[in-house]
Protein backbone atom coordinates (compact mmCIF):
# COMPACT_ATOMS: atom_id res chain seq x y z
CA MET A 1 -145.91 -17.69 92.39
CA THR A 2 -146.51 -19.78 89.23
CA ASP A 3 -147.68 -23.35 89.67
CA ILE A 4 -145.25 -25.56 87.70
CA ASN A 5 -147.88 -28.28 87.29
CA PHE A 6 -150.21 -25.79 85.62
CA ILE A 7 -147.48 -24.85 83.14
CA ARG A 8 -146.72 -28.54 82.45
CA ASN A 9 -150.42 -29.24 81.83
CA LEU A 10 -150.63 -26.34 79.36
CA SER A 11 -147.53 -27.59 77.62
CA ASN A 12 -148.99 -31.11 77.34
CA ILE A 13 -152.25 -29.77 75.93
CA ASN A 14 -150.35 -27.73 73.34
CA ASN A 15 -148.23 -30.76 72.35
CA ASN A 16 -151.35 -32.92 71.97
CA ILE A 17 -153.05 -30.39 69.73
CA ASN A 18 -149.99 -29.97 67.51
CA SER A 19 -149.48 -33.73 67.14
CA ASN A 20 -153.15 -34.64 66.67
CA PRO A 21 -153.61 -35.51 62.96
CA ALA A 22 -157.38 -35.00 63.10
CA VAL A 23 -156.91 -31.38 64.14
CA LYS A 24 -154.22 -30.79 61.52
CA ASN A 25 -156.31 -32.33 58.72
CA LYS A 26 -159.37 -30.29 59.65
CA GLU A 27 -157.27 -27.11 59.62
CA TYR A 28 -155.84 -28.10 56.23
CA ASP A 29 -159.32 -28.81 54.84
CA ILE A 30 -160.58 -25.38 55.93
CA ASN A 31 -157.56 -23.62 54.45
CA SER A 32 -157.80 -25.66 51.27
CA HIS A 33 -161.50 -24.82 50.89
CA PHE A 34 -160.81 -21.12 51.45
CA LYS A 35 -157.99 -21.22 48.90
CA ASP A 36 -160.28 -22.89 46.34
CA ILE A 37 -162.95 -20.22 46.81
CA LEU A 38 -160.41 -17.40 46.59
CA THR A 39 -158.88 -18.85 43.43
CA GLU A 40 -162.31 -19.18 41.83
CA LYS A 41 -163.20 -15.58 42.68
CA CYS A 42 -159.90 -14.32 41.27
CA LYS A 43 -160.44 -16.23 38.02
CA ASN A 44 -163.84 -14.65 37.63
CA ASN A 45 -162.31 -11.21 37.40
CA GLU A 46 -163.98 -10.27 34.13
CA VAL A 47 -166.18 -7.25 33.70
CA SER A 48 -169.91 -7.64 33.96
CA PHE A 49 -172.62 -5.34 32.68
CA SER A 50 -175.20 -3.60 34.83
CA LYS A 51 -178.86 -3.72 33.84
CA HIS A 52 -178.59 -0.07 32.79
CA ALA A 53 -175.52 -0.77 30.63
CA ASN A 54 -177.24 -3.72 28.96
CA GLU A 55 -180.23 -1.52 28.13
CA ARG A 56 -177.97 1.21 26.66
CA ILE A 57 -175.96 -1.31 24.64
CA GLU A 58 -179.15 -2.69 23.15
CA GLU A 59 -180.71 0.75 22.53
CA ARG A 60 -177.60 2.14 20.90
CA ASN A 61 -176.71 -0.99 18.90
CA ILE A 62 -173.23 -1.26 20.38
CA ASP A 63 -171.52 -4.49 19.34
CA ILE A 64 -169.97 -6.30 22.30
CA ASP A 65 -167.73 -9.11 21.12
CA GLU A 66 -164.86 -10.99 22.70
CA ASP A 67 -162.35 -8.36 21.55
CA VAL A 68 -164.29 -5.56 23.26
CA THR A 69 -164.65 -7.62 26.44
CA ASN A 70 -160.92 -8.36 26.48
CA LYS A 71 -160.11 -4.66 26.02
CA LEU A 72 -162.49 -3.74 28.86
CA ASN A 73 -160.79 -6.30 31.12
CA GLU A 74 -157.34 -4.94 30.21
CA ALA A 75 -158.50 -1.38 30.86
CA VAL A 76 -159.83 -2.32 34.30
CA VAL A 77 -156.52 -3.95 35.23
CA GLN A 78 -154.58 -0.89 34.06
CA ALA A 79 -156.89 1.47 35.94
CA LYS A 80 -156.71 -0.59 39.14
CA ASP A 81 -152.91 -0.44 38.95
CA LYS A 82 -153.20 3.35 38.98
CA GLY A 83 -155.73 3.33 41.83
CA LEU A 84 -158.64 4.55 39.70
CA LYS A 85 -162.18 3.65 40.73
CA ASN A 86 -164.50 4.95 38.00
CA ILE A 87 -163.10 5.16 34.50
CA LEU A 88 -164.09 6.07 30.97
CA VAL A 89 -162.93 3.42 28.50
CA MET A 90 -162.83 4.37 24.82
CA ILE A 91 -162.89 1.40 22.45
CA ASP A 92 -163.19 2.08 18.73
CA ASN A 93 -166.31 4.26 18.42
CA ALA A 94 -167.84 3.48 21.79
CA ALA A 95 -167.34 4.70 25.33
CA PHE A 96 -167.94 2.75 28.53
CA ILE A 97 -168.08 3.94 32.12
CA VAL A 98 -166.67 1.19 34.33
CA ASN A 99 -166.49 0.83 38.10
CA THR A 100 -163.19 -0.95 38.74
CA MET A 101 -164.07 -1.87 42.32
CA ASN A 102 -166.91 -4.12 41.10
CA ASN A 103 -165.60 -4.81 37.58
CA LYS A 104 -168.94 -3.55 36.31
CA VAL A 105 -169.77 -1.55 33.20
CA ILE A 106 -172.17 1.16 34.35
CA THR A 107 -173.20 2.60 30.97
CA ALA A 108 -172.22 2.64 27.32
CA VAL A 109 -172.35 5.35 24.65
CA ASN A 110 -171.98 4.98 20.89
CA SER A 111 -170.17 7.36 18.55
CA ASN A 112 -173.34 9.31 17.66
CA GLU A 113 -173.94 10.26 21.28
CA LEU A 114 -170.31 10.98 22.13
CA LYS A 115 -170.50 14.44 20.59
CA GLU A 116 -171.28 17.26 22.99
CA ASN A 117 -171.30 14.82 25.91
CA ILE A 118 -169.80 15.46 29.34
CA PHE A 119 -168.64 12.58 31.53
CA THR A 120 -168.59 13.32 35.25
CA ASN A 121 -167.53 11.40 38.36
CA ILE A 122 -164.68 9.59 36.66
CA ASP A 123 -161.10 9.30 37.91
CA GLY A 124 -159.47 8.73 34.57
CA ALA A 125 -159.77 7.47 31.02
CA VAL A 126 -158.30 4.49 29.20
CA ILE A 127 -158.20 4.55 25.41
CA LYS A 128 -157.95 1.19 23.65
């Protein structure tokens, strides 16, 4: 048989926790902090360049300006919407292999090296 006093004590404890402002404020602070971190991470959703990609960009004299970066970001968003993980992005006379899971450019190829080239392990291509 259930002890009614035990149930009343549990009920009182629950009421005290729910009405205690210190507990509520602490919970709010934790949630607020988590929300701030999540928002910051979502803002920083731009593509980054791997060490290898940076080396190839420098070697091959590929110009990376704000327009190219914006197009890469748009391509990643489009590819993610389609569920693609590794994509080839063609922008003007350059090609980029991008991992959409990490928003990271893996490598870059200029127009001279595009000829007779085979791209493997990609899920799709985005042409900008």
